[in-house]
Amino acid sequence: KKRSLTPTPKPPRPPFPPATRKPEPTEAQSKEARSYMWVFIALLLGMLLSSDLMLPWKLLPLVLGVAAVVVGVMTLVKVVRYGLGAFMRIVVSMGLAATAFMTLGLAAQVALWPLTAKYETCMQSALTVQATETCTKDYLTFGGMLPQP
C-alpha cells in the first residue's frame, strides 16, 4: 500500500447559523421590568427627600440608598435580559450611578458620626454667614486634622 504525502482534504465546515434577533419582550416581562423600575425610582426619591435629616435619622436615607442600589441592579439586569431598549438602559444606568454616588456620601457621613453630629449642632446654632462658613470649614477639614483650603 502506498501512502500519499498530500493531506486528505477536510470536509467543509457548515456555515454559521443566521444571526437571530432576540425575541421581543412579552407584555409580562415588560410589566415586570417597569414595576421594578418604579420601585427603584420610589426608593431613589425617598433617599433624596430624606437625605437632609439629622443624625440618627440620617440612617434612613442610607438604608433607602442601599435598597435602591440593590433594586437598581436587579432592574438593569431585567432591562438588559429582556432587551427593553436603549432608553430604559440609559435611564436605569444613570439612576444607578446617582444612587451609588449619594449612598457613598451618606455612608461617609454616617461613618464620620462624631464629626457630622458636631457639624449639625454647629449649623443649628450658627446665626451669621461667617458662623456657617466656620462650621463648614471645620467639617471639611475633619475638625482641623487637614490643612485649611
Protein backbone atom coordinates (compact mmCIF):
# COMPACT_ATOMS: atom_id res chain seq x y z
CA LYS A 1 0.00 0.00 0.00
CA LYS A 2 1.36 3.43 -0.94
CA ARG A 3 0.94 6.36 1.38
CA SER A 4 0.14 9.69 -0.08
CA LEU A 5 2.13 12.66 1.17
CA THR A 6 -0.65 15.11 0.50
CA PRO A 7 -3.06 15.53 3.35
CA THR A 8 -6.61 14.49 2.79
CA PRO A 9 -8.91 17.48 2.47
CA LYS A 10 -11.13 18.18 5.44
CA PRO A 11 -14.83 18.25 4.84
CA PRO A 12 -16.15 21.80 4.51
CA ARG A 13 -17.46 23.42 7.70
CA PRO A 14 -21.13 24.03 7.83
CA PRO A 15 -21.99 27.72 7.52
CA PHE A 16 -22.72 29.70 10.65
CA PRO A 17 -26.37 29.78 11.54
CA PRO A 18 -28.08 33.00 10.58
CA ALA A 19 -27.98 35.67 13.25
CA THR A 20 -31.14 35.58 15.25
CA ARG A 21 -32.58 38.63 16.89
CA LYS A 22 -33.67 38.49 20.45
CA PRO A 23 -37.39 37.97 20.61
CA GLU A 24 -39.45 40.96 21.59
CA PRO A 25 -40.18 41.02 25.31
CA THR A 26 -43.56 39.72 26.31
CA GLU A 27 -46.07 42.01 27.95
CA ALA A 28 -45.46 40.26 31.29
CA GLN A 29 -41.70 40.82 31.01
CA SER A 30 -42.16 44.49 30.15
CA LYS A 31 -44.59 44.93 33.02
CA GLU A 32 -42.21 43.21 35.45
CA ALA A 33 -39.26 45.39 34.41
CA ARG A 34 -41.39 48.55 34.62
CA SER A 35 -42.61 47.64 38.11
CA TYR A 36 -39.01 47.13 39.25
CA MET A 37 -38.12 50.47 37.73
CA TRP A 38 -40.94 52.23 39.62
CA VAL A 39 -39.79 50.67 42.90
CA PHE A 40 -36.24 51.82 42.10
CA ILE A 41 -37.45 55.37 41.37
CA ALA A 42 -39.51 55.42 44.59
CA LEU A 43 -36.50 54.32 46.67
CA LEU A 44 -34.29 56.90 44.94
CA LEU A 45 -36.80 59.70 45.59
CA GLY A 46 -37.21 58.59 49.20
CA MET A 47 -33.46 58.76 49.64
CA LEU A 48 -33.28 62.20 48.02
CA LEU A 49 -36.10 63.62 50.14
CA SER A 50 -34.78 62.23 53.42
CA SER A 51 -31.07 62.92 52.87
CA ASP A 52 -31.18 66.20 54.81
CA LEU A 53 -32.38 64.58 58.03
CA MET A 54 -30.25 64.96 61.13
CA LEU A 55 -28.47 62.13 62.90
CA PRO A 56 -29.64 59.48 63.86
CA TRP A 57 -32.34 59.80 61.16
CA LYS A 58 -29.59 60.00 58.53
CA LEU A 59 -29.55 56.19 58.70
CA LEU A 60 -32.94 56.11 56.94
CA PRO A 61 -31.71 57.53 53.61
CA LEU A 62 -28.64 55.29 53.85
CA VAL A 63 -30.87 52.21 54.13
CA LEU A 64 -33.06 53.51 51.30
CA GLY A 65 -29.93 54.08 49.21
CA VAL A 66 -28.62 50.57 49.74
CA ALA A 67 -32.06 49.17 48.88
CA ALA A 68 -32.19 51.40 45.79
CA VAL A 69 -28.79 50.14 44.62
CA VAL A 70 -29.92 46.52 45.01
CA VAL A 71 -33.24 47.10 43.22
CA GLY A 72 -31.49 49.22 40.58
CA VAL A 73 -29.08 46.41 39.74
CA MET A 74 -31.98 43.96 39.56
CA THR A 75 -33.84 46.38 37.28
CA LEU A 76 -30.84 46.83 35.00
CA VAL A 77 -30.41 43.06 34.71
CA LYS A 78 -34.08 42.66 33.76
CA VAL A 79 -33.94 45.51 31.24
CA VAL A 80 -30.86 44.04 29.56
CA ARG A 81 -32.06 40.43 29.72
CA TYR A 82 -35.46 41.26 28.23
CA GLY A 83 -33.96 43.65 25.64
CA LEU A 84 -36.20 46.57 26.56
CA GLY A 85 -34.35 49.22 24.61
CA ALA A 86 -31.55 51.69 24.99
CA PHE A 87 -33.61 54.44 26.64
CA MET A 88 -34.53 52.31 29.65
CA ARG A 89 -30.93 51.09 29.94
CA ILE A 90 -29.66 54.65 29.97
CA VAL A 91 -32.25 55.85 32.50
CA VAL A 92 -31.64 52.96 34.87
CA SER A 93 -27.84 53.22 34.50
CA MET A 94 -27.84 56.95 35.22
CA GLY A 95 -30.16 56.49 38.19
CA LEU A 96 -27.98 53.69 39.48
CA ALA A 97 -24.84 55.83 39.19
CA ALA A 98 -26.51 58.73 41.03
CA THR A 99 -27.83 56.38 43.70
CA ALA A 100 -24.43 54.77 44.26
CA PHE A 101 -22.76 58.19 44.50
CA MET A 102 -25.28 59.52 47.01
CA THR A 103 -25.24 56.31 49.04
CA LEU A 104 -21.46 56.52 49.35
CA GLY A 105 -21.77 60.13 50.52
CA LEU A 106 -24.38 59.19 53.12
CA ALA A 107 -22.25 56.25 54.25
CA ALA A 108 -19.31 58.62 54.73
CA GLN A 109 -21.45 60.97 56.82
CA VAL A 110 -22.61 58.09 58.99
CA ALA A 111 -19.06 56.69 59.25
CA LEU A 112 -17.91 60.10 60.47
CA TRP A 113 -20.73 60.24 63.01
CA PRO A 114 -18.97 62.40 65.66
CA LEU A 115 -17.85 64.99 63.10
CA THR A 116 -21.25 65.02 61.40
CA ALA A 117 -23.02 65.46 64.75
CA LYS A 118 -20.66 68.32 65.65
CA TYR A 119 -21.29 69.96 62.25
CA GLU A 120 -25.06 69.65 62.57
CA THR A 121 -25.01 71.12 66.09
CA CYS A 122 -22.76 73.95 64.91
CA MET A 123 -25.04 74.73 61.94
CA GLN A 124 -28.13 74.82 64.19
CA SER A 125 -26.56 77.47 66.40
CA ALA A 126 -24.92 79.49 63.59
CA LEU A 127 -26.69 82.82 63.15
CA THR A 128 -24.39 84.56 60.68
CA VAL A 129 -22.85 83.73 57.34
CA GLN A 130 -19.42 83.82 58.95
CA ALA A 131 -20.53 81.30 61.59
CA THR A 132 -21.88 78.90 58.94
CA GLU A 133 -18.64 79.24 56.97
CA THR A 134 -16.67 78.42 60.13
CA CYS A 135 -18.83 75.32 60.72
CA THR A 136 -18.37 74.19 57.13
CA LYS A 137 -14.61 74.84 57.16
CA ASP A 138 -14.23 72.88 60.40
CA TYR A 139 -16.26 69.98 58.96
CA LEU A 140 -14.37 69.90 55.65
CA THR A 141 -11.01 69.83 57.44
CA PHE A 142 -12.17 66.94 59.68
CA GLY A 143 -12.11 69.05 62.81
CA GLY A 144 -8.76 70.67 61.98
CA MET A 145 -6.95 67.42 61.11
CA LEU A 146 -6.44 68.52 57.48
CA PRO A 147 -4.91 71.81 56.36
CA GLN A 148 -7.44 74.50 55.60
CA PRO A 149 -8.14 75.20 51.93
